[in-house]
Amino acid sequence: MWNLVRDWYRDKFSDPQAVTLAVILLVGFATIYFSGKLLMPLLVAIVLAYMLEWPVARLERLGVPRSVAASLVLVLFIILMLVAVLVLLPALWQQGVTLVAEMPAMFSQWQSLLMTLPEEYPTLIEEEQLRALVQSFNNSLLRWGQGLVSMSLASLVDLVALMVYAILVPLLLFFFLKDKQELMRDVSRFVPDNRELANQVATEMNVQIGNYIRGKVIEIAIVGISSFLVFMFMDLRYAALLSVLVGLSVVIPYIGATVVTIPVALVGFFQWGISPQFGYLLLAYGIIQAIDGNVLVPLLFSEAVNLHPVAIIVSVLIFGGLWGFWGVFFAIPLATLVKAVINAWPSARERMQHAEESAASQA
């Protein structure tokens, strides 16, 4: 057993390039895992910098100085965020408050509908079992409501942190966009010299993460706006709130669309019941999801490394459990990083073949 482990270690870690890559990955993982909350403004600014690098680079190609381009893009981005906060957020808040106020009536309607099932299907459903199920659901709903109240009280404390973020993140974002090359050179000074393999993986992942973040933001906007237009055309209640949920659901591949189907279907059911309008709503929602999965995703993420759906779901579970929302958001790039490292990791056999090929070419 020891010989097997020793041979594996020699095969995989005898190259200094591999050791350097392993050290960089371990240090990065440990830093984010143990200090993620402290570094959250920095991480948010890095994500936004990846998203805004594309327009800054385009302006720079047109002859605009990078500092001016970064300032223009950042000002435009802040204006858009302020418009979203001042216009969209109050509408979402109002619809959310209305939905919470109408939930008791919705659940009463739902319970009345359920209690008719034992009369229609007496051989399949017993009334006592159904009453126990409804009581259990009501208790769970009560606990959820109490947790929501405590979370809302705790959010008052987080308001101070949010105000700090509102100052720190734009400042960090501006310097990341303006002094990108200088900062990268400064960071490279702390990395060991034998880093060609790490540079290879970093170059690939830099392109992948940038394309992923920009593509995901575009996908959220397209899916959310199209859902809002469809819901408004059908006169669905809470159209803005539901469309935002549908747009954000694309952050979690496969799972998000399935989960958001529940509130969309419930609101449609309580508004129209079992009717043609309810069927049209489900059909329109299914078409939006089909277009997203079969048109938008291949179009926006055509340059991403192809990953099996099982690998994507497993990465969502693992990285989401480690880092919460950001782990879920970056599940695909992180899974791509793992695949890129596995593909690029050298072995003794590959190094020997490469040396033989180099010697043969020189001869």
Protein backbone atom coordinates (compact mmCIF):
# COMPACT_ATOMS: atom_id res chain seq x y z
CA MET A 1 0.00 0.00 0.00
CA TRP A 2 2.81 2.41 0.92
CA ASN A 3 4.63 1.65 -2.33
CA LEU A 4 1.47 2.44 -4.28
CA VAL A 5 1.11 5.83 -2.56
CA ARG A 6 4.82 6.57 -3.03
CA ASP A 7 4.70 5.72 -6.74
CA TRP A 8 1.61 7.89 -7.21
CA TYR A 9 3.28 10.80 -5.39
CA ARG A 10 6.42 10.52 -7.49
CA ASP A 11 4.39 10.33 -10.67
CA LYS A 12 2.25 13.38 -9.92
CA PHE A 13 4.46 15.62 -7.76
CA SER A 14 8.01 15.05 -8.99
CA ASP A 15 7.68 18.04 -11.32
CA PRO A 16 8.27 21.47 -9.64
CA GLN A 17 5.60 22.94 -11.93
CA ALA A 18 3.01 20.58 -10.46
CA VAL A 19 4.08 21.41 -6.90
CA THR A 20 3.77 25.14 -7.60
CA LEU A 21 0.28 24.67 -9.05
CA ALA A 22 -0.78 22.55 -6.07
CA VAL A 23 0.50 25.16 -3.60
CA ILE A 24 -1.30 27.99 -5.41
CA LEU A 25 -4.57 26.04 -5.45
CA LEU A 26 -4.32 25.08 -1.77
CA VAL A 27 -3.48 28.62 -0.65
CA GLY A 28 -6.32 30.08 -2.74
CA PHE A 29 -8.82 27.52 -1.46
CA ALA A 30 -7.79 28.01 2.19
CA THR A 31 -7.88 31.80 1.90
CA ILE A 32 -11.38 31.88 0.44
CA TYR A 33 -12.70 29.15 2.74
CA PHE A 34 -11.44 30.60 6.02
CA SER A 35 -11.51 34.33 5.17
CA GLY A 36 -14.31 34.52 2.61
CA LYS A 37 -16.55 36.73 4.75
CA LEU A 38 -13.76 39.18 5.53
CA LEU A 39 -12.76 39.37 1.88
CA MET A 40 -16.31 39.58 0.54
CA PRO A 41 -16.01 43.20 -0.74
CA LEU A 42 -12.81 42.22 -2.53
CA LEU A 43 -14.40 39.14 -4.10
CA VAL A 44 -17.49 41.08 -5.20
CA ALA A 45 -15.26 43.74 -6.78
CA ILE A 46 -13.29 41.05 -8.63
CA VAL A 47 -16.51 39.54 -10.02
CA LEU A 48 -17.74 42.95 -11.19
CA ALA A 49 -14.31 43.72 -12.66
CA TYR A 50 -14.53 40.57 -14.78
CA MET A 51 -17.97 41.68 -15.97
CA LEU A 52 -16.92 45.25 -16.82
CA GLU A 53 -13.52 44.46 -18.32
CA TRP A 54 -15.06 43.87 -21.75
CA PRO A 55 -16.45 47.43 -22.28
CA VAL A 56 -13.29 48.96 -20.76
CA ALA A 57 -11.11 46.96 -23.16
CA ARG A 58 -13.30 47.98 -26.12
CA LEU A 59 -13.02 51.68 -25.24
CA GLU A 60 -9.28 51.30 -24.79
CA ARG A 61 -9.00 49.82 -28.30
CA LEU A 62 -10.79 52.91 -29.62
CA GLY A 63 -8.01 55.08 -28.21
CA VAL A 64 -9.59 56.08 -24.91
CA PRO A 65 -7.06 56.06 -22.01
CA ARG A 66 -7.70 53.18 -19.64
CA SER A 67 -8.26 55.43 -16.64
CA VAL A 68 -10.90 57.42 -18.55
CA ALA A 69 -12.52 54.25 -19.91
CA ALA A 70 -12.67 52.73 -16.42
CA SER A 71 -14.23 55.92 -15.03
CA LEU A 72 -16.88 56.10 -17.77
CA VAL A 73 -17.84 52.43 -17.45
CA LEU A 74 -17.96 52.61 -13.67
CA VAL A 75 -20.14 55.74 -13.67
CA LEU A 76 -22.55 54.15 -16.15
CA PHE A 77 -22.66 50.97 -14.08
CA ILE A 78 -23.41 52.90 -10.87
CA ILE A 79 -26.19 54.84 -12.63
CA LEU A 80 -27.78 51.59 -13.82
CA MET A 81 -27.56 50.12 -10.30
CA LEU A 82 -29.16 53.23 -8.79
CA VAL A 83 -31.99 53.09 -11.32
CA ALA A 84 -32.54 49.42 -10.51
CA VAL A 85 -32.54 50.09 -6.76
CA LEU A 86 -34.79 53.16 -6.91
CA VAL A 87 -37.24 51.85 -9.52
CA LEU A 88 -37.22 48.05 -9.45
CA LEU A 89 -36.64 47.39 -5.76
CA PRO A 90 -39.71 49.34 -4.48
CA ALA A 91 -41.96 47.48 -6.95
CA LEU A 92 -40.55 44.13 -5.87
CA TRP A 93 -40.94 45.07 -2.21
CA GLN A 94 -44.57 46.10 -2.71
CA GLN A 95 -45.42 42.88 -4.55
CA GLY A 96 -43.61 40.84 -1.91
CA VAL A 97 -45.56 42.51 0.91
CA THR A 98 -48.83 41.95 -0.94
CA LEU A 99 -47.97 38.31 -1.57
CA VAL A 100 -47.17 37.73 2.11
CA ALA A 101 -50.44 39.40 3.13
CA GLU A 102 -52.46 37.18 0.78
CA MET A 103 -50.71 33.94 1.71
CA PRO A 104 -53.22 32.99 4.47
CA ALA A 105 -56.10 33.20 1.99
CA MET A 106 -54.11 31.21 -0.56
CA PHE A 107 -53.33 28.47 1.96
CA SER A 108 -56.97 28.37 3.07
CA GLN A 109 -58.01 27.85 -0.53
CA TRP A 110 -55.35 25.18 -0.90
CA GLN A 111 -56.50 23.34 2.24
CA SER A 112 -60.15 23.49 1.15
CA LEU A 113 -59.18 21.96 -2.16
CA LEU A 114 -57.17 19.21 -0.46
CA MET A 115 -59.99 18.32 1.93
CA THR A 116 -62.24 17.47 -1.03
CA LEU A 117 -59.86 14.74 -2.17
CA PRO A 118 -60.99 12.07 0.37
CA GLU A 119 -64.57 12.47 -0.88
CA GLU A 120 -63.54 12.07 -4.52
CA TYR A 121 -60.96 9.31 -3.94
CA PRO A 122 -61.98 7.52 -0.70
CA THR A 123 -60.01 4.37 -1.55
CA LEU A 124 -56.76 6.22 -2.15
CA ILE A 125 -56.73 9.04 0.43
CA GLU A 126 -57.89 8.88 4.05
CA GLU A 127 -59.17 12.02 5.72
CA GLU A 128 -57.14 11.54 8.92
CA GLN A 129 -53.89 11.19 7.01
CA LEU A 130 -54.69 14.27 4.99
CA ARG A 131 -55.49 16.28 8.13
CA ALA A 132 -52.18 15.21 9.68
CA LEU A 133 -50.36 16.25 6.50
CA VAL A 134 -52.04 19.67 6.50
CA GLN A 135 -51.25 20.18 10.21
CA SER A 136 -47.62 19.27 9.64
CA PHE A 137 -47.44 21.73 6.76
CA ASN A 138 -48.98 24.49 8.89
CA ASN A 139 -46.43 23.88 11.65
CA SER A 140 -43.60 24.04 9.13
CA LEU A 141 -45.05 27.26 7.72
CA LEU A 142 -45.22 28.76 11.22
CA ARG A 143 -41.58 27.90 11.90
CA TRP A 144 -40.62 29.39 8.54
CA GLY A 145 -42.46 32.61 9.38
CA GLN A 146 -40.71 32.87 12.74
CA GLY A 147 -37.35 32.33 11.03
CA LEU A 148 -38.21 35.02 8.50
CA VAL A 149 -38.97 37.51 11.29
CA SER A 150 -35.69 36.75 13.07
CA MET A 151 -33.81 37.01 9.79
CA SER A 152 -35.40 40.40 9.08
CA LEU A 153 -34.27 41.62 12.52
CA ALA A 154 -30.76 40.35 11.89
CA SER A 155 -30.73 42.07 8.52
CA LEU A 156 -30.82 45.42 10.33
CA VAL A 157 -27.33 44.64 11.59
CA ASP A 158 -26.22 43.71 8.07
CA LEU A 159 -27.40 47.12 6.86
CA VAL A 160 -24.23 48.69 8.22
CA ALA A 161 -22.10 46.14 6.35
CA LEU A 162 -24.10 46.87 3.20
CA MET A 163 -23.36 50.58 3.50
CA VAL A 164 -19.66 49.78 3.87
CA TYR A 165 -19.84 47.58 0.77
CA ALA A 166 -21.49 50.41 -1.15
CA ILE A 167 -18.36 52.50 -0.55
CA LEU A 168 -15.60 49.89 -0.72
CA VAL A 169 -16.76 47.90 -3.73
CA PRO A 170 -16.88 50.85 -6.22
CA LEU A 171 -13.45 52.01 -5.05
CA LEU A 172 -11.94 48.54 -5.43
CA LEU A 173 -13.69 48.09 -8.75
CA PHE A 174 -12.27 51.33 -10.12
CA PHE A 175 -8.70 50.43 -9.20
CA PHE A 176 -9.11 46.88 -10.52
CA LEU A 177 -10.22 48.26 -13.88
CA LYS A 178 -7.74 51.14 -13.99
CA ASP A 179 -4.60 49.39 -12.71
CA LYS A 180 -5.23 45.84 -13.91
CA GLN A 181 -1.75 45.18 -15.32
CA GLU A 182 0.08 46.76 -12.38
CA LEU A 183 -1.91 44.74 -9.85
CA MET A 184 -1.31 41.50 -11.75
CA ARG A 185 2.44 42.18 -11.81
CA ASP A 186 2.42 42.88 -8.08
CA VAL A 187 0.58 39.63 -7.36
CA SER A 188 2.98 37.63 -9.57
CA ARG A 189 5.87 38.70 -7.32
CA PHE A 190 4.48 36.49 -4.53
CA VAL A 191 4.17 33.40 -6.77
CA PRO A 192 7.10 30.94 -7.15
CA ASP A 193 9.16 31.15 -10.31
CA ASN A 194 8.30 27.64 -11.52
CA ARG A 195 4.79 28.58 -12.52
CA GLU A 196 4.51 27.88 -16.25
CA LEU A 197 1.88 25.18 -15.61
CA ALA A 198 0.01 27.50 -13.23
CA ASN A 199 0.14 30.27 -15.85
CA GLN A 200 -1.30 27.87 -18.43
CA VAL A 201 -4.24 26.98 -16.19
CA ALA A 202 -4.69 30.62 -15.10
CA THR A 203 -4.77 31.88 -18.68
CA GLU A 204 -7.43 29.36 -19.62
CA MET A 205 -9.52 30.03 -16.52
CA ASN A 206 -9.22 33.82 -16.91
CA VAL A 207 -10.95 33.58 -20.28
CA GLN A 208 -13.47 31.03 -19.01
CA ILE A 209 -14.48 33.04 -15.92
CA GLY A 210 -14.76 36.30 -17.85
CA ASN A 211 -16.96 34.73 -20.52
CA TYR A 212 -19.02 32.93 -17.90
CA ILE A 213 -19.76 36.02 -15.78
CA ARG A 214 -20.68 38.18 -18.77
CA GLY A 215 -22.74 35.39 -20.30
CA LYS A 216 -24.55 34.66 -17.05
CA VAL A 217 -25.47 38.34 -16.53
CA ILE A 218 -26.81 38.54 -20.10
CA GLU A 219 -28.75 35.30 -19.60
CA ILE A 220 -30.31 36.58 -16.35
CA ALA A 221 -31.37 39.81 -18.07
CA ILE A 222 -32.85 38.10 -21.14
CA VAL A 223 -34.73 35.41 -19.21
CA GLY A 224 -36.00 37.89 -16.60
CA ILE A 225 -37.18 40.50 -19.12
CA SER A 226 -38.84 37.93 -21.40
CA SER A 227 -40.60 36.35 -18.41
CA PHE A 228 -41.81 39.78 -17.27
CA LEU A 229 -43.22 40.56 -20.72
CA VAL A 230 -45.01 37.21 -20.90
CA PHE A 231 -46.41 37.51 -17.36
CA MET A 232 -47.59 41.08 -18.00
CA PHE A 233 -49.23 40.05 -21.27
CA MET A 234 -51.09 37.27 -19.44
CA ASP A 235 -51.96 39.68 -16.59
CA LEU A 236 -50.36 37.39 -14.02
CA ARG A 237 -50.21 38.79 -10.52
CA TYR A 238 -46.79 39.56 -8.99
CA ALA A 239 -45.32 39.61 -12.51
CA ALA A 240 -42.24 41.65 -11.55
CA LEU A 241 -41.43 39.54 -8.50
CA LEU A 242 -41.87 36.24 -10.34
CA SER A 243 -39.87 37.41 -13.38
CA VAL A 244 -36.95 38.38 -11.13
CA LEU A 245 -37.09 34.93 -9.52
CA VAL A 246 -37.15 33.27 -12.95
CA GLY A 247 -34.21 35.38 -14.10
CA LEU A 248 -32.13 34.58 -11.00
CA SER A 249 -33.00 30.89 -11.27
CA VAL A 250 -30.56 30.49 -14.17
CA VAL A 251 -27.72 30.98 -11.67
CA ILE A 252 -28.30 27.39 -10.50
CA PRO A 253 -28.31 25.12 -13.58
CA TYR A 254 -31.20 22.63 -13.80
CA ILE A 255 -32.14 23.00 -10.11
CA GLY A 256 -33.10 26.69 -10.23
CA ALA A 257 -35.63 26.32 -13.04
CA THR A 258 -37.27 23.39 -11.26
CA VAL A 259 -37.55 25.23 -7.94
CA VAL A 260 -38.93 28.48 -9.42
CA THR A 261 -41.61 26.52 -11.28
CA ILE A 262 -43.38 26.03 -7.93
CA PRO A 263 -44.16 29.72 -7.12
CA VAL A 264 -45.04 30.46 -10.75
CA ALA A 265 -47.46 27.53 -10.88
CA LEU A 266 -48.93 28.30 -7.43
CA VAL A 267 -49.63 31.96 -8.22
CA GLY A 268 -51.18 30.99 -11.54
CA PHE A 269 -53.29 28.30 -9.89
CA PHE A 270 -54.60 30.58 -7.14
CA GLN A 271 -55.38 33.28 -9.70
CA TRP A 272 -57.10 31.15 -12.38
CA GLY A 273 -57.54 27.65 -10.93
CA ILE A 274 -57.57 24.71 -13.32
CA SER A 275 -58.39 26.67 -16.46
CA PRO A 276 -57.03 27.31 -19.98
CA GLN A 277 -55.21 30.42 -18.72
CA PHE A 278 -53.32 28.29 -16.21
CA GLY A 279 -52.33 25.88 -18.96
CA TYR A 280 -51.17 28.74 -21.19
CA LEU A 281 -49.03 30.06 -18.33
CA LEU A 282 -47.29 26.72 -17.85
CA LEU A 283 -46.83 26.40 -21.61
CA ALA A 284 -45.29 29.87 -21.92
CA TYR A 285 -43.02 29.24 -18.94
CA GLY A 286 -41.92 25.92 -20.46
CA ILE A 287 -41.13 27.64 -23.76
CA ILE A 288 -38.98 30.25 -21.97
CA GLN A 289 -37.04 27.51 -20.19
CA ALA A 290 -36.64 25.52 -23.41
CA ILE A 291 -35.30 28.55 -25.31
CA ASP A 292 -32.94 29.31 -22.45
CA GLY A 293 -31.55 25.77 -22.32
CA ASN A 294 -31.38 25.09 -26.05
CA VAL A 295 -30.61 28.52 -27.54
CA LEU A 296 -29.24 30.99 -25.00
CA VAL A 297 -26.92 28.67 -23.09
CA PRO A 298 -25.20 27.20 -26.19
CA LEU A 299 -24.96 30.69 -27.72
CA LEU A 300 -23.60 32.50 -24.66
CA PHE A 301 -21.38 29.72 -23.33
CA SER A 302 -20.15 28.18 -26.57
CA GLU A 303 -16.52 28.76 -25.51
CA ALA A 304 -16.95 27.05 -22.15
CA VAL A 305 -15.56 23.60 -21.56
CA ASN A 306 -18.24 21.00 -22.09
CA LEU A 307 -19.34 19.48 -18.79
CA HIS A 308 -21.72 16.61 -18.19
CA PRO A 309 -24.96 17.57 -16.35
CA VAL A 310 -24.02 15.19 -13.51
CA ALA A 311 -20.71 17.05 -13.07
CA ILE A 312 -22.56 20.39 -13.00
CA ILE A 313 -25.07 19.21 -10.38
CA VAL A 314 -22.33 17.70 -8.21
CA SER A 315 -20.30 20.91 -8.45
CA VAL A 316 -23.36 22.96 -7.44
CA LEU A 317 -23.86 20.77 -4.37
CA ILE A 318 -20.19 20.77 -3.34
CA PHE A 319 -19.24 24.39 -3.97
CA GLY A 320 -22.64 25.68 -2.85
CA GLY A 321 -22.18 23.85 0.45
CA LEU A 322 -18.71 25.37 0.85
CA TRP A 323 -19.34 28.99 -0.18
CA GLY A 324 -23.10 29.49 -0.38
CA PHE A 325 -24.41 31.75 -3.15
CA TRP A 326 -21.01 32.47 -4.66
CA GLY A 327 -20.18 28.78 -4.69
CA VAL A 328 -23.37 28.13 -6.62
CA PHE A 329 -22.75 31.06 -8.97
CA PHE A 330 -19.22 29.88 -9.78
CA ALA A 331 -20.02 26.16 -9.75
CA ILE A 332 -19.46 25.78 -13.50
CA PRO A 333 -16.16 27.76 -13.63
CA LEU A 334 -14.89 25.90 -10.57
CA ALA A 335 -15.80 22.57 -12.14
CA THR A 336 -14.06 23.75 -15.29
CA LEU A 337 -11.01 24.65 -13.18
CA VAL A 338 -10.93 21.15 -11.71
CA LYS A 339 -11.16 19.65 -15.19
CA ALA A 340 -8.47 21.99 -16.54
CA VAL A 341 -6.11 21.10 -13.68
CA ILE A 342 -6.68 17.38 -14.19
CA ASN A 343 -6.06 17.67 -17.92
CA ALA A 344 -2.96 19.86 -17.51
CA TRP A 345 -1.41 18.01 -14.57
CA PRO A 346 1.81 16.38 -15.75
CA SER A 347 2.83 12.79 -15.04
CA ALA A 348 6.21 11.13 -15.21
CA ARG A 349 5.19 9.22 -18.32
CA GLU A 350 4.07 12.37 -20.13
CA ARG A 351 7.28 14.20 -19.17
CA MET A 352 9.35 11.27 -20.46
CA GLN A 353 7.44 11.24 -23.76
CA HIS A 354 7.87 15.00 -24.09
CA ALA A 355 11.61 14.72 -23.45
CA GLU A 356 11.92 11.95 -26.04
CA GLU A 357 10.01 14.01 -28.61
CA SER A 358 12.23 17.04 -27.90
CA ALA A 359 15.40 14.96 -28.27
CA ALA A 360 14.14 13.43 -31.52
CA SER A 361 13.27 16.85 -32.95
CA GLN A 362 16.70 18.22 -32.05
CA ALA A 363 18.41 15.22 -33.64
